[in-house]
Amino acid sequence: LKSDLRERLFEAVININTNNAAFSDYQK
């Protein structure tokens, strides 16, 4: 169960919006 949760979380990371104001143009 713990391994399945970890994998589900890793899959969700790709959905993080990296185009917001918190990131520099270099990071984006």
PDB file of all heavy atoms in Angstrom:
ATOM      1  N   LEU A   1       0.832  -1.203   0.000  1.00  0.00           N
ATOM      2  CA  LEU A   1       0.000   0.000   0.000  1.00  0.00           C
ATOM      3  C   LEU A   1       0.870   1.258   0.000  1.00  0.00           C
ATOM      4  O   LEU A   1       0.617   2.214  -0.744  1.00  0.00           O
ATOM      5  CB  LEU A   1      -0.926  -0.006   1.215  1.00  0.00           C
ATOM      6  CG  LEU A   1      -1.947   1.140   1.286  1.00  0.00           C
ATOM      7  CD1 LEU A   1      -3.041   0.945   0.244  1.00  0.00           C
ATOM      8  CD2 LEU A   1      -2.559   1.216   2.686  1.00  0.00           C
ATOM      9  N   LYS A   2       1.899   1.228   0.826  1.00  0.00           N
ATOM     10  CA  LYS A   2       2.798   2.380   0.915  1.00  0.00           C
ATOM     11  C   LYS A   2       3.530   2.588  -0.410  1.00  0.00           C
ATOM     12  O   LYS A   2       3.699   3.727  -0.877  1.00  0.00           O
ATOM     13  CB  LYS A   2       3.805   2.152   2.051  1.00  0.00           C
ATOM     14  CG  LYS A   2       4.697   3.346   2.344  1.00  0.00           C
ATOM     15  CD  LYS A   2       5.584   3.054   3.552  1.00  0.00           C
ATOM     16  CE  LYS A   2       6.498   4.229   3.860  1.00  0.00           C
ATOM     17  NZ  LYS A   2       7.371   3.941   5.027  1.00  0.00           N
ATOM     18  N   SER A   3       3.947   1.482  -1.037  1.00  0.00           N
ATOM     19  CA  SER A   3       4.625   1.566  -2.336  1.00  0.00           C
ATOM     20  C   SER A   3       3.687   2.110  -3.409  1.00  0.00           C
ATOM     21  O   SER A   3       4.077   2.947  -4.232  1.00  0.00           O
ATOM     22  CB  SER A   3       5.143   0.186  -2.739  1.00  0.00           C
ATOM     23  OG  SER A   3       5.727   0.217  -4.023  1.00  0.00           O
ATOM     24  N   ASP A   4       2.424   1.683  -3.389  1.00  0.00           N
ATOM     25  CA  ASP A   4       1.437   2.161  -4.358  1.00  0.00           C
ATOM     26  C   ASP A   4       1.180   3.655  -4.184  1.00  0.00           C
ATOM     27  O   ASP A   4       1.058   4.394  -5.175  1.00  0.00           O
ATOM     28  CB  ASP A   4       0.113   1.403  -4.202  1.00  0.00           C
ATOM     29  CG  ASP A   4       0.212  -0.052  -4.675  1.00  0.00           C
ATOM     30  OD1 ASP A   4       1.204  -0.367  -5.366  1.00  0.00           O
ATOM     31  OD2 ASP A   4      -0.683  -0.852  -4.329  1.00  0.00           O
ATOM     32  N   LEU A   5       1.106   4.105  -2.926  1.00  0.00           N
ATOM     33  CA  LEU A   5       0.893   5.535  -2.677  1.00  0.00           C
ATOM     34  C   LEU A   5       2.078   6.344  -3.177  1.00  0.00           C
ATOM     35  O   LEU A   5       1.913   7.393  -3.813  1.00  0.00           O
ATOM     36  CB  LEU A   5       0.678   5.770  -1.178  1.00  0.00           C
ATOM     37  CG  LEU A   5       0.505   7.241  -0.760  1.00  0.00           C
ATOM     38  CD1 LEU A   5      -0.664   7.890  -1.487  1.00  0.00           C
ATOM     39  CD2 LEU A   5       0.342   7.361   0.761  1.00  0.00           C
ATOM     40  N   ARG A   6       3.274   5.851  -2.925  1.00  0.00           N
ATOM     41  CA  ARG A   6       4.473   6.540  -3.365  1.00  0.00           C
ATOM     42  C   ARG A   6       4.471   6.705  -4.895  1.00  0.00           C
ATOM     43  O   ARG A   6       4.751   7.778  -5.419  1.00  0.00           O
ATOM     44  CB  ARG A   6       5.721   5.785  -2.915  1.00  0.00           C
ATOM     45  CG  ARG A   6       7.022   6.523  -3.205  1.00  0.00           C
ATOM     46  CD  ARG A   6       8.236   5.677  -2.853  1.00  0.00           C
ATOM     47  NE  ARG A   6       8.239   5.259  -1.460  1.00  0.00           N
ATOM     48  CZ  ARG A   6       8.088   4.017  -1.043  1.00  0.00           C
ATOM     49  NH1 ARG A   6       7.913   3.031  -1.920  1.00  0.00           N
ATOM     50  NH2 ARG A   6       8.107   3.723   0.237  1.00  0.00           N
ATOM     51  N   GLU A   7       4.116   5.628  -5.604  1.00  0.00           N
ATOM     52  CA  GLU A   7       4.084   5.697  -7.068  1.00  0.00           C
ATOM     53  C   GLU A   7       3.018   6.660  -7.566  1.00  0.00           C
ATOM     54  O   GLU A   7       3.230   7.410  -8.518  1.00  0.00           O
ATOM     55  CB  GLU A   7       3.844   4.299  -7.655  1.00  0.00           C
ATOM     56  CG  GLU A   7       5.000   3.334  -7.454  1.00  0.00           C
ATOM     57  CD  GLU A   7       6.309   3.899  -7.980  1.00  0.00           C
ATOM     58  OE1 GLU A   7       6.334   4.374  -9.131  1.00  0.00           O
ATOM     59  OE2 GLU A   7       7.307   3.871  -7.226  1.00  0.00           O
ATOM     60  N   ARG A   8       1.856   6.662  -6.901  1.00  0.00           N
ATOM     61  CA  ARG A   8       0.782   7.586  -7.289  1.00  0.00           C
ATOM     62  C   ARG A   8       1.230   9.041  -7.106  1.00  0.00           C
ATOM     63  O   ARG A   8       0.946   9.906  -7.935  1.00  0.00           O
ATOM     64  CB  ARG A   8      -0.465   7.301  -6.449  1.00  0.00           C
ATOM     65  CG  ARG A   8      -1.652   8.221  -6.729  1.00  0.00           C
ATOM     66  CD  ARG A   8      -2.259   7.960  -8.094  1.00  0.00           C
ATOM     67  NE  ARG A   8      -2.876   6.645  -8.138  1.00  0.00           N
ATOM     68  CZ  ARG A   8      -4.152   6.396  -7.804  1.00  0.00           C
ATOM     69  NH1 ARG A   8      -4.946   7.373  -7.417  1.00  0.00           N
ATOM     70  NH2 ARG A   8      -4.624   5.173  -7.892  1.00  0.00           N
ATOM     71  N   LEU A   9       1.939   9.286  -6.027  1.00  0.00           N
ATOM     72  CA  LEU A   9       2.424  10.641  -5.760  1.00  0.00           C
ATOM     73  C   LEU A   9       3.469  11.065  -6.795  1.00  0.00           C
ATOM     74  O   LEU A   9       3.467  12.206  -7.276  1.00  0.00           O
ATOM     75  CB  LEU A   9       3.003  10.732  -4.350  1.00  0.00           C
ATOM     76  CG  LEU A   9       2.017  10.503  -3.199  1.00  0.00           C
ATOM     77  CD1 LEU A   9       2.755  10.508  -1.865  1.00  0.00           C
ATOM     78  CD2 LEU A   9       0.921  11.549  -3.202  1.00  0.00           C
ATOM     79  N   PHE A  10       4.386  10.152  -7.133  1.00  0.00           N
ATOM     80  CA  PHE A  10       5.402  10.467  -8.134  1.00  0.00           C
ATOM     81  C   PHE A  10       4.753  10.813  -9.480  1.00  0.00           C
ATOM     82  O   PHE A  10       5.193  11.723 -10.179  1.00  0.00           O
ATOM     83  CB  PHE A  10       6.365   9.296  -8.307  1.00  0.00           C
ATOM     84  CG  PHE A  10       7.371   9.150  -7.200  1.00  0.00           C
ATOM     85  CD1 PHE A  10       7.869   7.896  -6.852  1.00  0.00           C
ATOM     86  CD2 PHE A  10       7.828  10.254  -6.502  1.00  0.00           C
ATOM     87  CE1 PHE A  10       8.793   7.756  -5.832  1.00  0.00           C
ATOM     88  CE2 PHE A  10       8.749  10.126  -5.478  1.00  0.00           C
ATOM     89  CZ  PHE A  10       9.239   8.869  -5.141  1.00  0.00           C
ATOM     90  N   GLU A  11       3.697  10.075  -9.836  1.00  0.00           N
ATOM     91  CA  GLU A  11       2.996  10.345 -11.092  1.00  0.00           C
ATOM     92  C   GLU A  11       2.349  11.731 -11.081  1.00  0.00           C
ATOM     93  O   GLU A  11       2.262  12.397 -12.115  1.00  0.00           O
ATOM     94  CB  GLU A  11       1.927   9.273 -11.334  1.00  0.00           C
ATOM     95  CG  GLU A  11       2.497   7.903 -11.677  1.00  0.00           C
ATOM     96  CD  GLU A  11       1.434   6.819 -11.682  1.00  0.00           C
ATOM     97  OE1 GLU A  11       0.229   7.171 -11.542  1.00  0.00           O
ATOM     98  OE2 GLU A  11       1.783   5.629 -11.810  1.00  0.00           O
ATOM     99  N   ALA A  12       1.897  12.165  -9.899  1.00  0.00           N
ATOM    100  CA  ALA A  12       1.223  13.464  -9.799  1.00  0.00           C
ATOM    101  C   ALA A  12       2.196  14.636  -9.887  1.00  0.00           C
ATOM    102  O   ALA A  12       1.800  15.750 -10.252  1.00  0.00           O
ATOM    103  CB  ALA A  12       0.440  13.542  -8.481  1.00  0.00           C
ATOM    104  N   VAL A  13       3.463  14.393  -9.556  1.00  0.00           N
ATOM    105  CA  VAL A  13       4.456  15.475  -9.565  1.00  0.00           C
ATOM    106  C   VAL A  13       4.554  16.138 -10.941  1.00  0.00           C
ATOM    107  O   VAL A  13       4.743  17.345 -11.059  1.00  0.00           O
ATOM    108  CB  VAL A  13       5.841  14.944  -9.123  1.00  0.00           C
ATOM    109  CG1 VAL A  13       6.941  15.965  -9.403  1.00  0.00           C
ATOM    110  CG2 VAL A  13       5.825  14.607  -7.638  1.00  0.00           C
ATOM    111  N   ILE A  14       4.379  15.347 -12.004  1.00  0.00           N
ATOM    112  CA  ILE A  14       4.508  15.878 -13.354  1.00  0.00           C
ATOM    113  C   ILE A  14       3.453  16.934 -13.651  1.00  0.00           C
ATOM    114  O   ILE A  14       3.606  17.750 -14.573  1.00  0.00           O
ATOM    115  CB  ILE A  14       4.429  14.727 -14.396  1.00  0.00           C
ATOM    116  CG1 ILE A  14       5.029  15.158 -15.740  1.00  0.00           C
ATOM    117  CG2 ILE A  14       3.000  14.266 -14.578  1.00  0.00           C
ATOM    118  CD1 ILE A  14       6.510  15.340 -15.707  1.00  0.00           C
ATOM    119  N   ASN A  15       2.377  16.957 -12.839  1.00  0.00           N
ATOM    120  CA  ASN A  15       1.299  17.918 -13.059  1.00  0.00           C
ATOM    121  C   ASN A  15       1.531  19.260 -12.367  1.00  0.00           C
ATOM    122  O   ASN A  15       0.717  20.172 -12.504  1.00  0.00           O
ATOM    123  CB  ASN A  15      -0.031  17.326 -12.574  1.00  0.00           C
ATOM    124  CG  ASN A  15      -0.440  16.103 -13.375  1.00  0.00           C
ATOM    125  OD1 ASN A  15      -0.317  16.079 -14.591  1.00  0.00           O
ATOM    126  ND2 ASN A  15      -0.919  15.075 -12.685  1.00  0.00           N
ATOM    127  N   ILE A  16       2.621  19.380 -11.631  1.00  0.00           N
ATOM    128  CA  ILE A  16       2.916  20.653 -10.969  1.00  0.00           C
ATOM    129  C   ILE A  16       3.133  21.731 -12.026  1.00  0.00           C
ATOM    130  O   ILE A  16       3.868  21.539 -12.994  1.00  0.00           O
ATOM    131  CB  ILE A  16       4.155  20.532 -10.070  1.00  0.00           C
ATOM    132  CG1 ILE A  16       3.850  19.612  -8.882  1.00  0.00           C
ATOM    133  CG2 ILE A  16       4.614  21.897  -9.565  1.00  0.00           C
ATOM    134  CD1 ILE A  16       5.042  19.341  -7.985  1.00  0.00           C
ATOM    135  N   ASN A  17       2.487  22.846 -11.851  1.00  0.00           N
ATOM    136  CA  ASN A  17       2.623  23.961 -12.790  1.00  0.00           C
ATOM    137  C   ASN A  17       3.942  24.683 -12.534  1.00  0.00           C
ATOM    138  O   ASN A  17       4.111  25.353 -11.524  1.00  0.00           O
ATOM    139  CB  ASN A  17       1.450  24.933 -12.626  1.00  0.00           C
ATOM    140  CG  ASN A  17       1.577  26.144 -13.545  1.00  0.00           C
ATOM    141  OD1 ASN A  17       2.332  26.115 -14.530  1.00  0.00           O
ATOM    142  ND2 ASN A  17       0.848  27.200 -13.240  1.00  0.00           N
ATOM    143  N   THR A  18       4.878  24.518 -13.467  1.00  0.00           N
ATOM    144  CA  THR A  18       6.199  25.149 -13.308  1.00  0.00           C
ATOM    145  C   THR A  18       6.292  26.452 -14.088  1.00  0.00           C
ATOM    146  O   THR A  18       7.379  26.976 -14.301  1.00  0.00           O
ATOM    147  CB  THR A  18       7.307  24.194 -13.783  1.00  0.00           C
ATOM    148  OG1 THR A  18       7.047  23.811 -15.147  1.00  0.00           O
ATOM    149  CG2 THR A  18       7.357  22.950 -12.920  1.00  0.00           C
ATOM    150  N   ASN A  19       5.139  26.972 -14.489  1.00  0.00           N
ATOM    151  CA  ASN A  19       5.140  28.206 -15.281  1.00  0.00           C
ATOM    152  C   ASN A  19       4.539  29.372 -14.502  1.00  0.00           C
ATOM    153  O   ASN A  19       4.034  30.326 -15.082  1.00  0.00           O
ATOM    154  CB  ASN A  19       4.344  27.996 -16.586  1.00  0.00           C
ATOM    155  CG  ASN A  19       4.685  29.039 -17.621  1.00  0.00           C
ATOM    156  OD1 ASN A  19       5.825  29.483 -17.718  1.00  0.00           O
ATOM    157  ND2 ASN A  19       3.688  29.455 -18.397  1.00  0.00           N
ATOM    158  N   ASN A  20       4.604  29.285 -13.182  1.00  0.00           N
ATOM    159  CA  ASN A  20       4.020  30.373 -12.390  1.00  0.00           C
ATOM    160  C   ASN A  20       5.100  31.348 -11.930  1.00  0.00           C
ATOM    161  O   ASN A  20       6.295  31.123 -12.117  1.00  0.00           O
ATOM    162  CB  ASN A  20       3.230  29.813 -11.199  1.00  0.00           C
ATOM    163  CG  ASN A  20       4.101  28.997 -10.270  1.00  0.00           C
ATOM    164  OD1 ASN A  20       5.191  29.409  -9.902  1.00  0.00           O
ATOM    165  ND2 ASN A  20       3.630  27.810  -9.882  1.00  0.00           N
ATOM    166  N   ALA A  21       4.667  32.407 -11.285  1.00  0.00           N
ATOM    167  CA  ALA A  21       5.574  33.500 -10.933  1.00  0.00           C
ATOM    168  C   ALA A  21       6.616  33.110  -9.897  1.00  0.00           C
ATOM    169  O   ALA A  21       7.635  33.795  -9.756  1.00  0.00           O
ATOM    170  CB  ALA A  21       4.766  34.694 -10.421  1.00  0.00           C
ATOM    171  N   ALA A  22       6.392  32.014  -9.191  1.00  0.00           N
ATOM    172  CA  ALA A  22       7.351  31.602  -8.161  1.00  0.00           C
ATOM    173  C   ALA A  22       8.663  31.118  -8.757  1.00  0.00           C
ATOM    174  O   ALA A  22       9.689  31.092  -8.078  1.00  0.00           O
ATOM    175  CB  ALA A  22       6.746  30.495  -7.301  1.00  0.00           C
ATOM    176  N   PHE A  23       8.650  30.751 -10.027  1.00  0.00           N
ATOM    177  CA  PHE A  23       9.848  30.232 -10.676  1.00  0.00           C
ATOM    178  C   PHE A  23      10.501  31.313 -11.534  1.00  0.00           C
ATOM    179  O   PHE A  23       9.820  32.111 -12.179  1.00  0.00           O
ATOM    180  CB  PHE A  23       9.510  29.025 -11.556  1.00  0.00           C
ATOM    181  CG  PHE A  23       8.981  27.842 -10.803  1.00  0.00           C
ATOM    182  CD1 PHE A  23       7.622  27.583 -10.751  1.00  0.00           C
ATOM    183  CD2 PHE A  23       9.844  26.994 -10.126  1.00  0.00           C
ATOM    184  CE1 PHE A  23       7.127  26.488 -10.054  1.00  0.00           C
ATOM    185  CE2 PHE A  23       9.370  25.898  -9.425  1.00  0.00           C
ATOM    186  CZ  PHE A  23       8.008  25.645  -9.386  1.00  0.00           C
ATOM    187  N   SER A  24      11.832  31.317 -11.554  1.00  0.00           N
ATOM    188  CA  SER A  24      12.569  32.238 -12.418  1.00  0.00           C
ATOM    189  C   SER A  24      12.470  31.770 -13.860  1.00  0.00           C
ATOM    190  O   SER A  24      12.074  30.617 -14.123  1.00  0.00           O
ATOM    191  CB  SER A  24      14.040  32.301 -11.997  1.00  0.00           C
ATOM    192  OG  SER A  24      14.679  31.056 -12.255  1.00  0.00           O
ATOM    193  N   ASP A  25      12.848  32.645 -14.815  1.00  0.00           N
ATOM    194  CA  ASP A  25      12.806  32.226 -16.217  1.00  0.00           C
ATOM    195  C   ASP A  25      13.765  31.065 -16.458  1.00  0.00           C
ATOM    196  O   ASP A  25      13.515  30.196 -17.292  1.00  0.00           O
ATOM    197  CB  ASP A  25      13.093  33.399 -17.156  1.00  0.00           C
ATOM    198  CG  ASP A  25      14.416  34.095 -16.860  1.00  0.00           C
ATOM    199  OD1 ASP A  25      15.019  33.821 -15.799  1.00  0.00           O
ATOM    200  OD2 ASP A  25      14.842  34.925 -17.685  1.00  0.00           O
ATOM    201  N   TYR A  26      14.877  31.005 -15.699  1.00  0.00           N
ATOM    202  CA  TYR A  26      15.821  29.901 -15.816  1.00  0.00           C
ATOM    203  C   TYR A  26      15.169  28.585 -15.378  1.00  0.00           C
ATOM    204  O   TYR A  26      15.283  27.564 -16.054  1.00  0.00           O
ATOM    205  CB  TYR A  26      17.065  30.196 -14.975  1.00  0.00           C
ATOM    206  CG  TYR A  26      18.139  29.130 -15.054  1.00  0.00           C
ATOM    207  CD1 TYR A  26      19.103  29.170 -16.047  1.00  0.00           C
ATOM    208  CD2 TYR A  26      18.181  28.091 -14.129  1.00  0.00           C
ATOM    209  CE1 TYR A  26      20.096  28.191 -16.128  1.00  0.00           C
ATOM    210  CE2 TYR A  26      19.157  27.109 -14.190  1.00  0.00           C
ATOM    211  CZ  TYR A  26      20.120  27.168 -15.193  1.00  0.00           C
ATOM    212  OH  TYR A  26      21.085  26.195 -15.279  1.00  0.00           O
ATOM    213  N   GLN A  27      14.471  28.622 -14.249  1.00  0.00           N
ATOM    214  CA  GLN A  27      13.801  27.418 -13.755  1.00  0.00           C
ATOM    215  C   GLN A  27      12.691  26.962 -14.710  1.00  0.00           C
ATOM    216  O   GLN A  27      12.554  25.777 -14.992  1.00  0.00           O
ATOM    217  CB  GLN A  27      13.220  27.673 -12.361  1.00  0.00           C
ATOM    218  CG  GLN A  27      14.262  27.845 -11.275  1.00  0.00           C
ATOM    219  CD  GLN A  27      13.651  28.308  -9.975  1.00  0.00           C
ATOM    220  OE1 GLN A  27      12.895  29.291  -9.945  1.00  0.00           O
ATOM    221  NE2 GLN A  27      13.961  27.608  -8.889  1.00  0.00           N
ATOM    222  N   LYS A  28      11.909  27.926 -15.184  1.00  0.00           N
ATOM    223  CA  LYS A  28      10.837  27.589 -16.127  1.00  0.00           C
ATOM    224  C   LYS A  28      11.416  26.933 -17.377  1.00  0.00           C
ATOM    225  O   LYS A  28      10.882  25.939 -17.880  1.00  0.00           O
ATOM    226  CB  LYS A  28      10.057  28.853 -16.510  1.00  0.00           C
ATOM    227  CG  LYS A  28       9.238  29.452 -15.381  1.00  0.00           C
ATOM    228  CD  LYS A  28       8.616  30.776 -15.821  1.00  0.00           C
ATOM    229  CE  LYS A  28       7.910  31.469 -14.669  1.00  0.00           C
ATOM    230  NZ  LYS A  28       7.386  32.797 -15.059  1.00  0.00           N
TER     231      LYS A  28
END
